[in-house]
Each structure stands twice: as structure tokens, then as C-alpha cells.
PDB file of N, CA and C in Angstrom:
ATOM      1  N   MET A   1       0.819  -1.187   0.000  1.00  0.00           N
ATOM      2  CA  MET A   1       0.000   0.000   0.000  1.00  0.00           C
ATOM      3  C   MET A   1       0.868   1.259   0.000  1.00  0.00           C
ATOM      4  N   ARG A   2       1.893   1.301   0.847  1.00  0.00           N
ATOM      5  CA  ARG A   2       2.747   2.492   0.915  1.00  0.00           C
ATOM      6  C   ARG A   2       3.437   2.759  -0.419  1.00  0.00           C
ATOM      7  N   SER A   3       3.829   1.710  -1.119  1.00  0.00           N
ATOM      8  CA  SER A   3       4.497   1.923  -2.412  1.00  0.00           C
ATOM      9  C   SER A   3       3.528   2.537  -3.432  1.00  0.00           C
ATOM     10  N   THR A   4       2.285   2.117  -3.406  1.00  0.00           N
ATOM     11  CA  THR A   4       1.268   2.688  -4.295  1.00  0.00           C
ATOM     12  C   THR A   4       1.048   4.161  -3.963  1.00  0.00           C
ATOM     13  N   LEU A   5       0.914   4.478  -2.691  1.00  0.00           N
ATOM     14  CA  LEU A   5       0.718   5.857  -2.265  1.00  0.00           C
ATOM     15  C   LEU A   5       1.930   6.714  -2.601  1.00  0.00           C
ATOM     16  N   SER A   6       3.128   6.171  -2.388  1.00  0.00           N
ATOM     17  CA  SER A   6       4.358   6.904  -2.713  1.00  0.00           C
ATOM     18  C   SER A   6       4.459   7.194  -4.201  1.00  0.00           C
ATOM     19  N   ARG A   7       4.098   6.232  -5.005  1.00  0.00           N
ATOM     20  CA  ARG A   7       4.137   6.433  -6.466  1.00  0.00           C
ATOM     21  C   ARG A   7       3.207   7.575  -6.876  1.00  0.00           C
ATOM     22  N   ALA A   8       2.017   7.621  -6.301  1.00  0.00           N
ATOM     23  CA  ALA A   8       1.073   8.698  -6.609  1.00  0.00           C
ATOM     24  C   ALA A   8       1.605  10.046  -6.112  1.00  0.00           C
ATOM     25  N   MET A   9       2.289  10.055  -4.972  1.00  0.00           N
ATOM     26  CA  MET A   9       2.881  11.298  -4.453  1.00  0.00           C
ATOM     27  C   MET A   9       3.975  11.813  -5.376  1.00  0.00           C
ATOM     28  N   GLN A  10       4.791  10.909  -5.871  1.00  0.00           N
ATOM     29  CA  GLN A  10       5.926  11.283  -6.711  1.00  0.00           C
ATOM     30  C   GLN A  10       5.501  11.790  -8.077  1.00  0.00           C
ATOM     31  N   ASP A  11       4.363  11.361  -8.557  1.00  0.00           N
ATOM     32  CA  ASP A  11       3.895  11.765  -9.888  1.00  0.00           C
ATOM     33  C   ASP A  11       2.417  12.142  -9.810  1.00  0.00           C
ATOM     34  N   SER A  12       2.132  13.181  -9.022  1.00  0.00           N
ATOM     35  CA  SER A  12       0.747  13.562  -8.742  1.00  0.00           C
ATOM     36  C   SER A  12       0.003  14.118  -9.950  1.00  0.00           C
ATOM     37  N   ASP A  13       0.718  14.517 -10.989  1.00  0.00           N
ATOM     38  CA  ASP A  13       0.044  14.968 -12.209  1.00  0.00           C
ATOM     39  C   ASP A  13      -0.520  13.795 -13.006  1.00  0.00           C
ATOM     40  N   ARG A  14       0.069  12.621 -12.844  1.00  0.00           N
ATOM     41  CA  ARG A  14      -0.356  11.438 -13.603  1.00  0.00           C
ATOM     42  C   ARG A  14      -1.238  10.476 -12.839  1.00  0.00           C
ATOM     43  N   PHE A  15      -1.054  10.415 -11.502  1.00  0.00           N
ATOM     44  CA  PHE A  15      -1.723   9.368 -10.734  1.00  0.00           C
ATOM     45  C   PHE A  15      -2.528   9.885  -9.550  1.00  0.00           C
ATOM     46  N   VAL A  16      -3.610   9.195  -9.259  1.00  0.00           N
ATOM     47  CA  VAL A  16      -4.386   9.331  -8.031  1.00  0.00           C
ATOM     48  C   VAL A  16      -4.552   7.931  -7.463  1.00  0.00           C
ATOM     49  N   VAL A  17      -5.143   7.840  -6.295  1.00  0.00           N
ATOM     50  CA  VAL A  17      -5.356   6.542  -5.658  1.00  0.00           C
ATOM     51  C   VAL A  17      -6.841   6.371  -5.374  1.00  0.00           C
ATOM     52  N   GLU A  18      -7.346   5.214  -5.719  1.00  0.00           N
ATOM     53  CA  GLU A  18      -8.735   4.849  -5.449  1.00  0.00           C
ATOM     54  C   GLU A  18      -8.706   3.839  -4.302  1.00  0.00           C
ATOM     55  N   LEU A  19      -9.574   4.026  -3.301  1.00  0.00           N
ATOM     56  CA  LEU A  19      -9.548   3.129  -2.145  1.00  0.00           C
ATOM     57  C   LEU A  19     -10.898   3.108  -1.436  1.00  0.00           C
ATOM     58  N   ASP A  20     -11.047   2.118  -0.581  1.00  0.00           N
ATOM     59  CA  ASP A  20     -12.190   2.050   0.324  1.00  0.00           C
ATOM     60  C   ASP A  20     -11.673   2.477   1.687  1.00  0.00           C
ATOM     61  N   TYR A  21     -12.466   3.279   2.404  1.00  0.00           N
ATOM     62  CA  TYR A  21     -12.045   3.800   3.706  1.00  0.00           C
ATOM     63  C   TYR A  21     -13.150   3.607   4.725  1.00  0.00           C
ATOM     64  N   CYS A  22     -12.763   3.146   5.903  1.00  0.00           N
ATOM     65  CA  CYS A  22     -13.707   2.965   7.004  1.00  0.00           C
ATOM     66  C   CYS A  22     -13.374   4.010   8.065  1.00  0.00           C
ATOM     67  N   ASP A  23     -14.281   4.940   8.315  1.00  0.00           N
ATOM     68  CA  ASP A  23     -13.997   6.018   9.268  1.00  0.00           C
ATOM     69  C   ASP A  23     -14.142   5.543  10.711  1.00  0.00           C
ATOM     70  N   SER A  24     -13.901   6.447  11.652  1.00  0.00           N
ATOM     71  CA  SER A  24     -13.913   6.085  13.071  1.00  0.00           C
ATOM     72  C   SER A  24     -15.286   5.635  13.567  1.00  0.00           C
ATOM     73  N   LYS A  25     -16.342   5.973  12.829  1.00  0.00           N
ATOM     74  CA  LYS A  25     -17.702   5.554  13.186  1.00  0.00           C
ATOM     75  C   LYS A  25     -18.077   4.225  12.540  1.00  0.00           C
ATOM     76  N   GLY A  26     -17.165   3.668  11.745  1.00  0.00           N
ATOM     77  CA  GLY A  26     -17.427   2.407  11.073  1.00  0.00           C
ATOM     78  C   GLY A  26     -18.095   2.543   9.722  1.00  0.00           C
ATOM     79  N   GLU A  27     -18.257   3.771   9.237  1.00  0.00           N
ATOM     80  CA  GLU A  27     -18.891   3.995   7.933  1.00  0.00           C
ATOM     81  C   GLU A  27     -17.863   3.795   6.822  1.00  0.00           C
ATOM     82  N   ALA A  28     -18.171   2.905   5.903  1.00  0.00           N
ATOM     83  CA  ALA A  28     -17.264   2.605   4.791  1.00  0.00           C
ATOM     84  C   ALA A  28     -17.641   3.436   3.570  1.00  0.00           C
ATOM     85  N   THR A  29     -16.633   4.097   2.988  1.00  0.00           N
ATOM     86  CA  THR A  29     -16.850   4.901   1.789  1.00  0.00           C
ATOM     87  C   THR A  29     -15.791   4.568   0.746  1.00  0.00           C
ATOM     88  N   HIS A  30     -16.122   4.849  -0.500  1.00  0.00           N
ATOM     89  CA  HIS A  30     -15.188   4.683  -1.614  1.00  0.00           C
ATOM     90  C   HIS A  30     -14.652   6.064  -1.951  1.00  0.00           C
ATOM     91  N   ARG A  31     -13.332   6.215  -1.996  1.00  0.00           N
ATOM     92  CA  ARG A  31     -12.708   7.523  -2.204  1.00  0.00           C
ATOM     93  C   ARG A  31     -11.715   7.494  -3.357  1.00  0.00           C
ATOM     94  N   VAL A  32     -11.499   8.662  -3.917  1.00  0.00           N
ATOM     95  CA  VAL A  32     -10.389   8.891  -4.843  1.00  0.00           C
ATOM     96  C   VAL A  32      -9.601  10.036  -4.229  1.00  0.00           C
ATOM     97  N   ILE A  33      -8.298   9.806  -4.020  1.00  0.00           N
ATOM     98  CA  ILE A  33      -7.463  10.789  -3.338  1.00  0.00           C
ATOM     99  C   ILE A  33      -6.189  11.066  -4.123  1.00  0.00           C
ATOM    100  N   SER A  34      -5.618  12.227  -3.841  1.00  0.00           N
ATOM    101  CA  SER A  34      -4.293  12.573  -4.325  1.00  0.00           C
ATOM    102  C   SER A  34      -3.406  12.692  -3.087  1.00  0.00           C
ATOM    103  N   PRO A  35      -2.582  11.673  -2.811  1.00  0.00           N
ATOM    104  CA  PRO A  35      -1.759  11.680  -1.600  1.00  0.00           C
ATOM    105  C   PRO A  35      -0.771  12.852  -1.586  1.00  0.00           C
ATOM    106  N   ILE A  36      -0.600  13.447  -0.409  1.00  0.00           N
ATOM    107  CA  ILE A  36       0.326  14.567  -0.248  1.00  0.00           C
ATOM    108  C   ILE A  36       1.572  14.127   0.515  1.00  0.00           C
ATOM    109  N   ARG A  37       1.375  13.570   1.729  1.00  0.00           N
ATOM    110  CA  ARG A  37       2.520  13.078   2.500  1.00  0.00           C
ATOM    111  C   ARG A  37       2.044  12.155   3.623  1.00  0.00           C
ATOM    112  N   PHE A  38       2.985  11.336   4.080  1.00  0.00           N
ATOM    113  CA  PHE A  38       2.727  10.481   5.234  1.00  0.00           C
ATOM    114  C   PHE A  38       2.861  11.328   6.494  1.00  0.00           C
ATOM    115  N   LEU A  39       2.041  11.024   7.493  1.00  0.00           N
ATOM    116  CA  LEU A  39       2.046  11.715   8.775  1.00  0.00           C
ATOM    117  C   LEU A  39       2.379  10.719   9.879  1.00  0.00           C
ATOM    118  N   PRO A  40       2.825  11.217  11.031  1.00  0.00           N
ATOM    119  CA  PRO A  40       3.075  10.305  12.161  1.00  0.00           C
ATOM    120  C   PRO A  40       1.793   9.554  12.541  1.00  0.00           C
ATOM    121  N   GLY A  41       1.975   8.425  13.185  1.00  0.00           N
ATOM    122  CA  GLY A  41       0.822   7.654  13.645  1.00  0.00           C
ATOM    123  C   GLY A  41       0.174   6.849  12.536  1.00  0.00           C
ATOM    124  N   ASN A  42       0.954   6.470  11.518  1.00  0.00           N
ATOM    125  CA  ASN A  42       0.446   5.638  10.419  1.00  0.00           C
ATOM    126  C   ASN A  42      -0.744   6.293   9.713  1.00  0.00           C
ATOM    127  N   ARG A  43      -0.610   7.607   9.461  1.00  0.00           N
ATOM    128  CA  ARG A  43      -1.660   8.366   8.783  1.00  0.00           C
ATOM    129  C   ARG A  43      -1.129   8.959   7.483  1.00  0.00           C
ATOM    130  N   LEU A  44      -2.059   9.442   6.680  1.00  0.00           N
ATOM    131  CA  LEU A  44      -1.744  10.018   5.383  1.00  0.00           C
ATOM    132  C   LEU A  44      -2.529  11.312   5.221  1.00  0.00           C
ATOM    133  N   LEU A  45      -1.869  12.346   4.727  1.00  0.00           N
ATOM    134  CA  LEU A  45      -2.547  13.575   4.342  1.00  0.00           C
ATOM    135  C   LEU A  45      -2.748  13.515   2.834  1.00  0.00           C
ATOM    136  N   ALA A  46      -3.979  13.735   2.386  1.00  0.00           N
ATOM    137  CA  ALA A  46      -4.278  13.639   0.962  1.00  0.00           C
ATOM    138  C   ALA A  46      -5.405  14.594   0.600  1.00  0.00           C
ATOM    139  N   LEU A  47      -5.434  14.990  -0.649  1.00  0.00           N
ATOM    140  CA  LEU A  47      -6.561  15.755  -1.170  1.00  0.00           C
ATOM    141  C   LEU A  47      -7.629  14.746  -1.561  1.00  0.00           C
ATOM    142  N   CYS A  48      -8.781  14.831  -0.926  1.00  0.00           N
ATOM    143  CA  CYS A  48      -9.894  13.944  -1.263  1.00  0.00           C
ATOM    144  C   CYS A  48     -10.653  14.587  -2.421  1.00  0.00           C
ATOM    145  N   LEU A  49     -10.727  13.901  -3.540  1.00  0.00           N
ATOM    146  CA  LEU A  49     -11.404  14.441  -4.711  1.00  0.00           C
ATOM    147  C   LEU A  49     -12.919  14.416  -4.552  1.00  0.00           C
ATOM    148  N   CYS A  50     -13.408  13.667  -3.571  1.00  0.00           N
ATOM    149  CA  CYS A  50     -14.844  13.639  -3.287  1.00  0.00           C
ATOM    150  C   CYS A  50     -15.238  14.833  -2.428  1.00  0.00           C
ATOM    151  N   ARG A  51     -14.458  15.127  -1.425  1.00  0.00           N
ATOM    152  CA  ARG A  51     -14.752  16.225  -0.507  1.00  0.00           C
ATOM    153  C   ARG A  51     -14.161  17.561  -0.987  1.00  0.00           C
ATOM    154  N   GLU A  52     -13.245  17.486  -1.940  1.00  0.00           N
ATOM    155  CA  GLU A  52     -12.550  18.661  -2.486  1.00  0.00           C
ATOM    156  C   GLU A  52     -11.787  19.436  -1.419  1.00  0.00           C
ATOM    157  N   GLU A  53     -11.158  18.695  -0.503  1.00  0.00           N
ATOM    158  CA  GLU A  53     -10.357  19.332   0.538  1.00  0.00           C
ATOM    159  C   GLU A  53      -9.365  18.324   1.106  1.00  0.00           C
ATOM    160  N   PRO A  54      -8.305  18.825   1.746  1.00  0.00           N
ATOM    161  CA  PRO A  54      -7.341  17.910   2.372  1.00  0.00           C
ATOM    162  C   PRO A  54      -7.999  17.143   3.512  1.00  0.00           C
ATOM    163  N   ARG A  55      -7.661  15.874   3.616  1.00  0.00           N
ATOM    164  CA  ARG A  55      -8.196  15.014   4.676  1.00  0.00           C
ATOM    165  C   ARG A  55      -7.066  14.123   5.185  1.00  0.00           C
ATOM    166  N   GLN A  56      -7.213  13.668   6.430  1.00  0.00           N
ATOM    167  CA  GLN A  56      -6.277  12.697   6.984  1.00  0.00           C
ATOM    168  C   GLN A  56      -6.913  11.318   6.939  1.00  0.00           C
ATOM    169  N   PHE A  57      -6.132  10.342   6.548  1.00  0.00           N
ATOM    170  CA  PHE A  57      -6.595   8.960   6.455  1.00  0.00           C
ATOM    171  C   PHE A  57      -5.684   8.079   7.306  1.00  0.00           C
ATOM    172  N   HIS A  58      -6.283   7.255   8.160  1.00  0.00           N
ATOM    173  CA  HIS A  58      -5.525   6.258   8.912  1.00  0.00           C
ATOM    174  C   HIS A  58      -5.270   5.092   7.951  1.00  0.00           C
ATOM    175  N   LEU A  59      -4.023   4.756   7.759  1.00  0.00           N
ATOM    176  CA  LEU A  59      -3.680   3.717   6.774  1.00  0.00           C
ATOM    177  C   LEU A  59      -4.286   2.364   7.120  1.00  0.00           C
ATOM    178  N   ASN A  60      -4.453   2.070   8.409  1.00  0.00           N
ATOM    179  CA  ASN A  60      -5.026   0.774   8.788  1.00  0.00           C
ATOM    180  C   ASN A  60      -6.531   0.702   8.503  1.00  0.00           C
ATOM    181  N   ARG A  61      -7.141   1.809   8.106  1.00  0.00           N
ATOM    182  CA  ARG A  61      -8.564   1.821   7.743  1.00  0.00           C
ATOM    183  C   ARG A  61      -8.770   1.834   6.234  1.00  0.00           C
ATOM    184  N   CYS A  62      -7.681   1.795   5.479  1.00  0.00           N
ATOM    185  CA  CYS A  62      -7.753   1.798   4.013  1.00  0.00           C
ATOM    186  C   CYS A  62      -7.694   0.372   3.479  1.00  0.00           C
ATOM    187  N   SER A  63      -8.461   0.106   2.436  1.00  0.00           N
ATOM    188  CA  SER A  63      -8.411  -1.206   1.788  1.00  0.00           C
ATOM    189  C   SER A  63      -8.649  -1.022   0.289  1.00  0.00           C
ATOM    190  N   ASN A  64      -8.361  -2.060  -0.474  1.00  0.00           N
ATOM    191  CA  ASN A  64      -8.548  -2.044  -1.935  1.00  0.00           C
ATOM    192  C   ASN A  64      -7.876  -0.833  -2.577  1.00  0.00           C
ATOM    193  N   VAL A  65      -6.637  -0.563  -2.169  1.00  0.00           N
ATOM    194  CA  VAL A  65      -5.883   0.600  -2.642  1.00  0.00           C
ATOM    195  C   VAL A  65      -5.351   0.332  -4.047  1.00  0.00           C
ATOM    196  N   LYS A  66      -5.729   1.213  -4.992  1.00  0.00           N
ATOM    197  CA  LYS A  66      -5.338   1.020  -6.398  1.00  0.00           C
ATOM    198  C   LYS A  66      -4.840   2.325  -7.002  1.00  0.00           C
ATOM    199  N   LEU A  67      -3.753   2.239  -7.742  1.00  0.00           N
ATOM    200  CA  LEU A  67      -3.216   3.376  -8.476  1.00  0.00           C
ATOM    201  C   LEU A  67      -4.038   3.560  -9.745  1.00  0.00           C
ATOM    202  N   ARG A  68      -4.460   4.784 -10.003  1.00  0.00           N
ATOM    203  CA  ARG A  68      -5.274   5.088 -11.192  1.00  0.00           C
ATOM    204  C   ARG A  68      -4.698   6.301 -11.920  1.00  0.00           C
ATOM    205  N   ARG A  69      -4.960   6.392 -13.204  1.00  0.00           N
ATOM    206  CA  ARG A  69      -4.523   7.552 -13.980  1.00  0.00           C
ATOM    207  C   ARG A  69      -5.419   8.747 -13.624  1.00  0.00           C
ATOM    208  N   ALA A  70      -4.801   9.852 -13.300  1.00  0.00           N
ATOM    209  CA  ALA A  70      -5.532  11.037 -12.848  1.00  0.00           C
ATOM    210  C   ALA A  70      -6.487  11.564 -13.911  1.00  0.00           C
ATOM    211  N   GLU A  71      -6.141  11.405 -15.161  1.00  0.00           N
ATOM    212  CA  GLU A  71      -6.975  11.944 -16.244  1.00  0.00           C
ATOM    213  C   GLU A  71      -8.357  11.293 -16.311  1.00  0.00           C
ATOM    214  N   GLN A  72      -8.541  10.183 -15.621  1.00  0.00           N
ATOM    215  CA  GLN A  72      -9.835   9.493 -15.618  1.00  0.00           C
ATOM    216  C   GLN A  72     -10.837  10.123 -14.649  1.00  0.00           C
ATOM    217  N   PHE A  73     -10.379  11.078 -13.825  1.00  0.00           N
ATOM    218  CA  PHE A  73     -11.226  11.624 -12.774  1.00  0.00           C
ATOM    219  C   PHE A  73     -11.274  13.143 -12.856  1.00  0.00           C
ATOM    220  N   VAL A  74     -12.448  13.693 -12.617  1.00  0.00           N
ATOM    221  CA  VAL A  74     -12.652  15.136 -12.589  1.00  0.00           C
ATOM    222  C   VAL A  74     -13.349  15.472 -11.276  1.00  0.00           C
ATOM    223  N   MET A  75     -12.830  16.485 -10.567  1.00  0.00           N
ATOM    224  CA  MET A  75     -13.466  16.893  -9.308  1.00  0.00           C
ATOM    225  C   MET A  75     -14.711  17.709  -9.610  1.00  0.00           C
ATOM    226  N   PRO A  76     -15.703  17.677  -8.763  1.00  0.00           N
ATOM    227  CA  PRO A  76     -15.813  16.788  -7.604  1.00  0.00           C
ATOM    228  C   PRO A  76     -16.356  15.421  -8.009  1.00  0.00           C
ATOM    229  N   LEU A  77     -15.964  14.424  -7.265  1.00  0.00           N
ATOM    230  CA  LEU A  77     -16.473  13.076  -7.458  1.00  0.00           C
ATOM    231  C   LEU A  77     -17.535  12.807  -6.409  1.00  0.00           C
ATOM    232  N   MET A  78     -18.494  11.999  -6.730  1.00  0.00           N
ATOM    233  CA  MET A  78     -19.530  11.652  -5.762  1.00  0.00           C
ATOM    234  C   MET A  78     -18.943  10.723  -4.710  1.00  0.00           C
ATOM    235  N   LEU A  79     -19.204  11.031  -3.455  1.00  0.00           N
ATOM    236  CA  LEU A  79     -18.801  10.165  -2.351  1.00  0.00           C
ATOM    237  C   LEU A  79     -19.797   9.017  -2.291  1.00  0.00           C
ATOM    238  N   THR A  80     -19.290   7.796  -2.365  1.00  0.00           N
ATOM    239  CA  THR A  80     -20.186   6.630  -2.364  1.00  0.00           C
ATOM    240  C   THR A  80     -19.829   5.680  -1.233  1.00  0.00           C
ATOM    241  N   ALA A  81     -20.764   4.867  -0.877  1.00  0.00           N
ATOM    242  CA  ALA A  81     -20.507   3.805   0.089  1.00  0.00           C
ATOM    243  C   ALA A  81     -19.593   2.786  -0.556  1.00  0.00           C
ATOM    244  N   ALA A  82     -18.704   2.207   0.213  1.00  0.00           N
ATOM    245  CA  ALA A  82     -17.794   1.204  -0.315  1.00  0.00           C
ATOM    246  C   ALA A  82     -18.578   0.051  -0.890  1.00  0.00           C
ATOM    247  N   GLY A  83     -18.137  -0.460  -2.030  1.00  0.00           N
ATOM    248  CA  GLY A  83     -18.815  -1.578  -2.665  1.00  0.00           C
ATOM    249  C   GLY A  83     -19.893  -1.188  -3.654  1.00  0.00           C
ATOM    250  N   GLU A  84     -20.197   0.098  -3.783  1.00  0.00           N
ATOM    251  CA  GLU A  84     -21.234   0.533  -4.742  1.00  0.00           C
ATOM    252  C   GLU A  84     -20.626   0.694  -6.113  1.00  0.00           C
TER     253      GLU A  84
END
């Protein structure tokens, strides 16, 4: 997962990351993010293309992390429940 996120950070004009995220309340959502940097405590700072703002993500709550070509996505994206 970290290598995928690092690749997107290194070439943010070409790549974004698509993932499923489970928040602290247990709500699972599907997100598209542009990773910015790793933070202490196994967290990630990223621009969420669904929320159109920087967000922090706990890496242990991320799943199905996939590198995607940025040109396939236009902000804002609809925030969806994971699995939809």
C-alpha cells in the first residue's frame, strides 16, 4: 500500500489513488485521493477528490488501494458507500 501511495505522491500529475475507507464511526466509503505526504501515527494527508479538501486517512482503515490515472477523474467526485 505504501508503495502505491508513494508512487502517486511522486507523480501527482499522472496518478491518483482509489480506495475504500472505514472512518472512526465504522462507515465505509469509496474515495479517490491525491496523496500529499505520510504523517506520524500511520496516517496520510491527501486531497480527497470527493470532498474537495485535504483530509487525513488512517492507513489501517484503508483497503482495496489502487493506483489510477488522474486523467480518468474530474473533481468533484460523488462520495459513495464502499462496494457501490
